[in-house]
Amino acid sequence: MWETSARLLRLLSLLQTRRDWSGAELAERLDVTPRTVRRDIDRLRDLGYPVLATAGTAGYRLGVGADLPPLLLDDDEAVAVAMSLRTAVGGSITGIEETSVRALAKLEQVLPSRLRHRINALRSVTVPMAAGGPTVDPGTLTAIATACRDSLCLRFDYRTHDGTGGVRTTEPHRLVHTGRRWYLIGWDVDRRDWRTYRVDRLVPRTPTGPRFTPREPPDPDLSGYTSRAISTSAYRYQARFTLQVSAETAAERIAPTTGTLEPIDEHSCTLRAGSDSLDELAIYVTTKGFDFQVHEPPELVEHIRTLTARLTRATD
């Protein structure tokens, strides 16, 4: 009986880690026969877990039920969830503070003492710093994440940086969080190209669909792709500089939302940044405190020469 109960817990844990499992995969992981897997699936259903059979693949999926069933978390997962809930109080998702406190209270009530000690140790040495800027509705994040996971086309009302509104249809790929803002990377169906959208500027339309076949992402490094899209590509002037410091040192002062860094060697790196103003670019790179060379665009090279001459005359 104990062996069967332990196997049921392992089976439930597997179903919670991935969307679809074949019966053969589950049998191999559990070291049992497919027939035993089918019996254990029936036991989980009797306990109220909505385990669905997937059509055509002889597989299984943990579906959506009327109530939230118990979740199985290992030690590291439990600590990660608890710390995430603690930091969510000052996060960038609208209205999540009170909900996070309630969820954290329930979680801590059942945590073993060894995990509570780990969490309290982390909390005691962590000082949160509130970030300004717009927040995102949690329902919007959930709708986008579900569309990404299930490969469902997503239509939404979108407001651009200049306030222009419109309706976009996308094949959503991934959500990217910079620490202050959320971005959606998706294939814009009408523009037939990859686009990056600020999530706080969009309102999803329902229903979602139809399904689509996921495309190859625009770049294996989606973090770097997003950084370039929001810091450089969207602007009139796209500048390239060489900084006389390592990329690691430069990253301490240059956020990925304002510029992208590419190492050249251990003493220098390339900075790419964008702006609609040449003055902004000149001030931006000058005030970082690093020696640099400007390479492009030609207008910026000439503009910095003019500024250099003007500043020299100002000190004569």
Protein backbone atom coordinates (compact mmCIF):
# COMPACT_ATOMS: atom_id res chain seq x y z
CA MET A 1 0.00 0.00 0.00
CA TRP A 2 2.83 2.39 0.91
CA GLU A 3 4.59 1.62 -2.40
CA THR A 4 1.40 2.36 -4.34
CA SER A 5 0.85 5.68 -2.52
CA ALA A 6 4.45 6.76 -3.13
CA ARG A 7 4.11 5.87 -6.81
CA LEU A 8 0.90 7.92 -7.07
CA LEU A 9 2.75 10.94 -5.66
CA ARG A 10 5.57 10.45 -8.17
CA LEU A 11 3.05 10.13 -10.98
CA LEU A 12 1.28 13.30 -9.92
CA SER A 13 4.59 15.14 -9.68
CA LEU A 14 5.47 14.11 -13.26
CA LEU A 15 2.08 15.24 -14.60
CA GLN A 16 2.61 18.64 -12.99
CA THR A 17 6.02 19.22 -14.58
CA ARG A 18 5.01 18.89 -18.24
CA ARG A 19 1.86 19.45 -20.27
CA ASP A 20 1.69 16.07 -22.10
CA TRP A 21 3.06 12.63 -21.26
CA SER A 22 2.69 9.41 -23.19
CA GLY A 23 1.77 6.29 -21.26
CA ALA A 24 5.04 4.68 -22.29
CA GLU A 25 7.08 7.63 -20.95
CA LEU A 26 5.29 7.51 -17.61
CA ALA A 27 5.74 3.74 -17.37
CA GLU A 28 9.47 4.11 -18.04
CA ARG A 29 9.88 6.89 -15.47
CA LEU A 30 7.98 4.93 -12.81
CA ASP A 31 9.52 1.58 -13.74
CA VAL A 32 6.10 -0.07 -14.07
CA THR A 33 3.97 -1.47 -16.90
CA PRO A 34 1.61 0.73 -18.99
CA ARG A 35 -1.27 -1.22 -17.45
CA THR A 36 -0.15 -0.12 -13.96
CA VAL A 37 0.04 3.47 -15.20
CA ARG A 38 -3.56 3.25 -16.40
CA ARG A 39 -4.69 1.93 -13.02
CA ASP A 40 -2.80 4.69 -11.19
CA ILE A 41 -4.33 7.30 -13.49
CA ASP A 42 -7.77 6.00 -12.54
CA ARG A 43 -6.85 6.28 -8.84
CA LEU A 44 -5.82 9.91 -9.32
CA ARG A 45 -9.14 10.59 -11.04
CA ASP A 46 -10.97 9.01 -8.09
CA LEU A 47 -9.08 11.43 -5.81
CA GLY A 48 -10.36 14.38 -7.83
CA TYR A 49 -7.41 15.08 -10.12
CA PRO A 50 -8.65 15.85 -13.67
CA VAL A 51 -6.24 13.66 -15.66
CA LEU A 52 -7.24 13.80 -19.32
CA ALA A 53 -6.43 11.35 -22.10
CA THR A 54 -4.82 13.09 -25.08
CA ALA A 55 -6.29 12.21 -28.44
CA GLY A 56 -4.18 10.23 -30.87
CA THR A 57 -1.05 9.91 -28.70
CA ALA A 58 -2.15 7.41 -26.02
CA GLY A 59 -1.00 10.00 -23.51
CA TYR A 60 -2.15 11.94 -20.48
CA ARG A 61 -2.46 15.56 -19.40
CA LEU A 62 -3.34 17.13 -16.07
CA GLY A 63 -6.42 19.16 -16.94
CA VAL A 64 -8.36 21.97 -15.33
CA GLY A 65 -10.80 20.97 -12.59
CA ALA A 66 -13.46 22.72 -10.57
CA ASP A 67 -11.10 23.00 -7.59
CA LEU A 68 -7.36 23.47 -7.30
CA PRO A 69 -5.81 20.10 -6.36
CA PRO A 70 -2.78 19.89 -4.05
CA LEU A 71 0.51 20.71 -5.76
CA LEU A 72 3.69 18.77 -5.10
CA LEU A 73 6.78 20.93 -4.61
CA ASP A 74 10.29 19.83 -3.78
CA ASP A 75 12.36 21.82 -1.26
CA ASP A 76 13.95 24.17 -3.78
CA GLU A 77 10.63 24.80 -5.53
CA ALA A 78 8.90 25.60 -2.23
CA VAL A 79 11.62 28.08 -1.26
CA ALA A 80 11.48 29.70 -4.71
CA VAL A 81 7.69 30.08 -4.53
CA ALA A 82 7.80 31.53 -1.03
CA MET A 83 10.50 34.07 -1.90
CA SER A 84 8.66 35.02 -5.10
CA LEU A 85 5.50 35.68 -3.12
CA ARG A 86 7.42 37.81 -0.64
CA THR A 87 9.00 39.95 -3.34
CA ALA A 88 5.71 40.23 -5.26
CA VAL A 89 4.46 42.72 -2.67
CA GLY A 90 6.61 45.35 -4.36
CA GLY A 91 6.36 43.91 -7.83
CA SER A 92 5.08 45.11 -11.18
CA ILE A 93 1.76 43.26 -11.33
CA THR A 94 -1.36 45.24 -10.43
CA GLY A 95 -3.21 44.18 -7.29
CA ILE A 96 -0.98 41.21 -6.52
CA GLU A 97 0.18 42.38 -3.08
CA GLU A 98 -2.81 41.24 -1.01
CA THR A 99 -3.18 38.00 -2.97
CA SER A 100 0.51 37.23 -2.43
CA VAL A 101 0.19 37.72 1.31
CA ARG A 102 -2.75 35.29 1.50
CA ALA A 103 -0.97 32.66 -0.61
CA LEU A 104 2.23 33.05 1.42
CA ALA A 105 0.34 32.54 4.69
CA LYS A 106 -1.11 29.27 3.39
CA LEU A 107 2.26 28.06 2.14
CA GLU A 108 4.19 28.88 5.32
CA GLN A 109 1.56 27.10 7.40
CA VAL A 110 2.54 23.74 5.88
CA LEU A 111 6.26 24.30 5.33
CA PRO A 112 8.66 22.09 7.30
CA SER A 113 10.78 23.97 9.81
CA ARG A 114 13.96 23.37 7.78
CA LEU A 115 12.44 25.27 4.82
CA ARG A 116 11.10 28.07 7.00
CA HIS A 117 14.64 28.57 8.33
CA ARG A 118 16.00 28.82 4.77
CA ILE A 119 13.33 31.33 3.76
CA ASN A 120 13.77 33.44 6.90
CA ALA A 121 17.53 33.51 6.33
CA LEU A 122 17.04 34.79 2.79
CA ARG A 123 14.46 37.33 3.93
CA SER A 124 16.66 38.65 6.74
CA VAL A 125 19.43 39.66 4.35
CA THR A 126 17.22 40.89 1.48
CA VAL A 127 16.21 44.54 1.15
CA PRO A 128 13.58 45.17 -1.55
CA MET A 129 13.76 48.36 -3.56
CA ALA A 130 10.47 49.56 -4.97
CA ALA A 131 10.50 50.11 -8.73
CA GLY A 132 8.45 52.79 -10.39
CA GLY A 133 6.62 52.56 -13.66
CA PRO A 134 3.40 51.03 -14.93
CA THR A 135 2.06 47.77 -13.56
CA VAL A 136 0.49 44.85 -15.42
CA ASP A 137 -2.87 43.21 -14.76
CA PRO A 138 -2.29 39.58 -13.67
CA GLY A 139 -5.21 38.43 -15.83
CA THR A 140 -3.45 39.86 -18.88
CA LEU A 141 -0.24 37.97 -18.05
CA THR A 142 -2.18 34.75 -17.55
CA ALA A 143 -4.02 35.14 -20.87
CA ILE A 144 -0.77 35.78 -22.75
CA ALA A 145 1.09 32.94 -21.03
CA THR A 146 -1.74 30.51 -21.84
CA ALA A 147 -1.77 31.58 -25.50
CA CYS A 148 2.03 31.12 -25.69
CA ARG A 149 1.86 27.68 -24.08
CA ASP A 150 -1.03 26.39 -26.19
CA SER A 151 0.08 28.06 -29.49
CA LEU A 152 -3.14 30.08 -29.83
CA CYS A 153 -3.31 33.28 -31.88
CA LEU A 154 -3.82 36.34 -29.72
CA ARG A 155 -5.69 39.52 -30.69
CA PHE A 156 -5.36 42.60 -28.52
CA ASP A 157 -5.85 46.34 -28.46
CA TYR A 158 -2.47 48.02 -28.39
CA ARG A 159 -1.31 51.54 -27.59
CA THR A 160 2.08 52.57 -28.99
CA HIS A 161 4.57 54.88 -27.28
CA ASP A 162 3.09 57.90 -29.06
CA GLY A 163 -0.45 57.06 -27.92
CA THR A 164 -1.69 55.64 -31.23
CA GLY A 165 -4.16 52.79 -30.75
CA GLY A 166 -4.95 49.78 -32.91
CA VAL A 167 -5.72 46.07 -32.96
CA ARG A 168 -2.88 43.56 -33.38
CA THR A 169 -3.06 39.87 -34.24
CA THR A 170 -0.04 37.83 -33.19
CA GLU A 171 1.32 34.35 -32.78
CA PRO A 172 2.65 34.83 -29.24
CA HIS A 173 5.99 33.24 -28.45
CA ARG A 174 7.40 34.30 -25.06
CA LEU A 175 7.02 36.78 -22.21
CA VAL A 176 10.17 38.64 -21.16
CA HIS A 177 10.47 40.43 -17.81
CA THR A 178 13.17 43.06 -17.37
CA GLY A 179 12.59 43.55 -13.65
CA ARG A 180 10.49 46.67 -14.24
CA ARG A 181 8.42 45.88 -17.32
CA TRP A 182 6.90 42.92 -19.14
CA TYR A 183 7.25 42.41 -22.90
CA LEU A 184 5.59 40.00 -25.31
CA ILE A 185 7.61 38.64 -28.23
CA GLY A 186 5.34 37.48 -31.04
CA TRP A 187 4.94 37.12 -34.79
CA ASP A 188 2.73 39.95 -36.04
CA VAL A 189 0.35 38.31 -38.50
CA ASP A 190 -0.51 41.52 -40.40
CA ARG A 191 3.04 42.90 -40.58
CA ARG A 192 4.52 39.43 -41.20
CA ASP A 193 7.44 40.05 -38.88
CA TRP A 194 8.53 39.57 -35.28
CA ARG A 195 7.51 42.34 -32.89
CA THR A 196 8.03 43.23 -29.24
CA TYR A 197 5.05 44.65 -27.31
CA ARG A 198 4.85 46.32 -23.91
CA VAL A 199 2.36 44.24 -21.94
CA ASP A 200 1.11 47.22 -19.90
CA ARG A 201 -0.02 48.79 -23.20
CA LEU A 202 -2.13 45.87 -24.45
CA VAL A 203 -5.60 44.53 -23.63
CA PRO A 204 -6.28 40.97 -24.87
CA ARG A 205 -9.44 40.22 -26.80
CA THR A 206 -11.36 36.99 -26.34
CA PRO A 207 -11.70 34.34 -27.47
CA THR A 208 -8.17 33.38 -28.47
CA GLY A 209 -7.35 31.15 -31.43
CA PRO A 210 -7.04 29.56 -33.83
CA ARG A 211 -4.02 27.36 -33.15
CA PHE A 212 -0.79 27.92 -35.04
CA THR A 213 2.41 25.99 -35.63
CA PRO A 214 5.18 27.68 -33.59
CA ARG A 215 7.89 29.35 -35.68
CA GLU A 216 11.60 29.38 -35.06
CA PRO A 217 12.27 32.30 -32.67
CA PRO A 218 13.90 35.42 -34.13
CA ASP A 219 17.01 34.81 -32.04
CA PRO A 220 18.12 31.97 -29.74
CA ASP A 221 18.98 34.65 -27.18
CA LEU A 222 15.52 36.13 -26.57
CA SER A 223 16.80 38.27 -23.72
CA GLY A 224 19.35 39.96 -25.99
CA TYR A 225 16.80 40.22 -28.79
CA THR A 226 14.36 42.00 -26.49
CA SER A 227 17.08 44.29 -25.21
CA ARG A 228 17.98 45.35 -28.77
CA ALA A 229 14.33 45.77 -29.74
CA ILE A 230 13.50 48.13 -26.89
CA SER A 231 16.82 49.98 -26.56
CA THR A 232 17.98 50.39 -30.16
CA SER A 233 15.86 49.15 -33.06
CA ALA A 234 12.77 51.24 -32.35
CA TYR A 235 14.56 54.59 -32.64
CA ARG A 236 15.49 56.94 -35.47
CA TYR A 237 19.22 56.92 -34.60
CA GLN A 238 20.94 53.62 -33.82
CA ALA A 239 24.37 54.20 -32.37
CA ARG A 240 27.41 51.98 -32.00
CA PHE A 241 30.22 52.76 -29.56
CA THR A 242 33.35 51.03 -28.32
CA LEU A 243 33.74 51.32 -24.55
CA GLN A 244 37.21 50.94 -23.03
CA VAL A 245 36.00 48.62 -20.26
CA SER A 246 34.90 45.02 -20.10
CA ALA A 247 31.27 44.16 -20.81
CA GLU A 248 30.89 42.98 -17.18
CA THR A 249 32.02 46.37 -15.85
CA ALA A 250 29.85 48.29 -18.30
CA ALA A 251 26.79 46.20 -17.36
CA GLU A 252 26.98 47.59 -13.84
CA ARG A 253 25.94 51.01 -15.21
CA ILE A 254 24.07 50.17 -18.41
CA ALA A 255 20.70 48.46 -18.08
CA PRO A 256 19.59 46.06 -20.84
CA THR A 257 16.53 48.27 -21.40
CA THR A 258 18.73 51.22 -22.44
CA GLY A 259 21.54 49.56 -24.39
CA THR A 260 23.02 46.22 -25.43
CA LEU A 261 26.60 45.17 -24.71
CA GLU A 262 28.80 42.79 -26.69
CA PRO A 263 32.25 41.85 -25.40
CA ILE A 264 35.24 42.50 -27.67
CA ASP A 265 37.97 41.38 -25.28
CA GLU A 266 38.59 41.57 -21.55
CA HIS A 267 39.27 45.31 -21.74
CA SER A 268 36.64 46.58 -24.21
CA CYS A 269 33.11 46.02 -25.45
CA THR A 270 30.60 47.29 -27.99
CA LEU A 271 27.61 49.33 -26.86
CA ARG A 272 24.54 49.72 -29.08
CA ALA A 273 21.86 52.21 -28.12
CA GLY A 274 19.11 54.15 -29.82
CA SER A 275 17.32 57.47 -29.52
CA ASP A 276 15.37 59.96 -31.57
CA SER A 277 17.78 62.66 -30.38
CA LEU A 278 21.51 62.98 -31.11
CA ASP A 279 21.92 65.07 -27.96
CA GLU A 280 20.41 62.28 -25.85
CA LEU A 281 22.82 59.73 -27.29
CA ALA A 282 25.83 61.99 -26.72
CA ILE A 283 24.86 62.73 -23.13
CA TYR A 284 23.96 59.09 -22.46
CA VAL A 285 27.33 57.65 -23.42
CA THR A 286 29.38 60.53 -21.99
CA THR A 287 27.86 60.34 -18.52
CA LYS A 288 28.53 56.62 -18.05
CA GLY A 289 32.08 57.43 -16.96
CA PHE A 290 33.93 55.28 -19.52
CA ASP A 291 36.33 56.26 -22.29
CA PHE A 292 34.72 55.52 -25.64
CA GLN A 293 34.84 55.87 -29.42
CA VAL A 294 31.73 56.58 -31.49
CA HIS A 295 31.42 54.74 -34.83
CA GLU A 296 27.90 55.31 -36.14
CA PRO A 297 25.66 56.80 -37.27
CA PRO A 298 27.65 59.45 -39.18
CA GLU A 299 25.32 62.18 -37.87
CA LEU A 300 26.25 61.30 -34.29
CA VAL A 301 29.99 61.28 -35.09
CA GLU A 302 29.73 64.80 -36.49
CA HIS A 303 27.44 65.93 -33.66
CA ILE A 304 29.92 64.82 -31.01
CA ARG A 305 32.72 66.64 -32.85
CA THR A 306 30.60 69.81 -32.73
CA LEU A 307 29.82 69.33 -29.04
CA THR A 308 33.50 68.69 -28.28
CA ALA A 309 34.53 71.94 -29.95
CA ARG A 310 31.78 73.84 -28.14
CA LEU A 311 32.78 72.46 -24.74
CA THR A 312 36.44 73.20 -25.41
CA ARG A 313 35.61 76.82 -26.20
CA ALA A 314 33.53 77.01 -23.04
CA THR A 315 36.59 76.19 -20.89
CA ASP A 316 39.11 78.45 -22.69
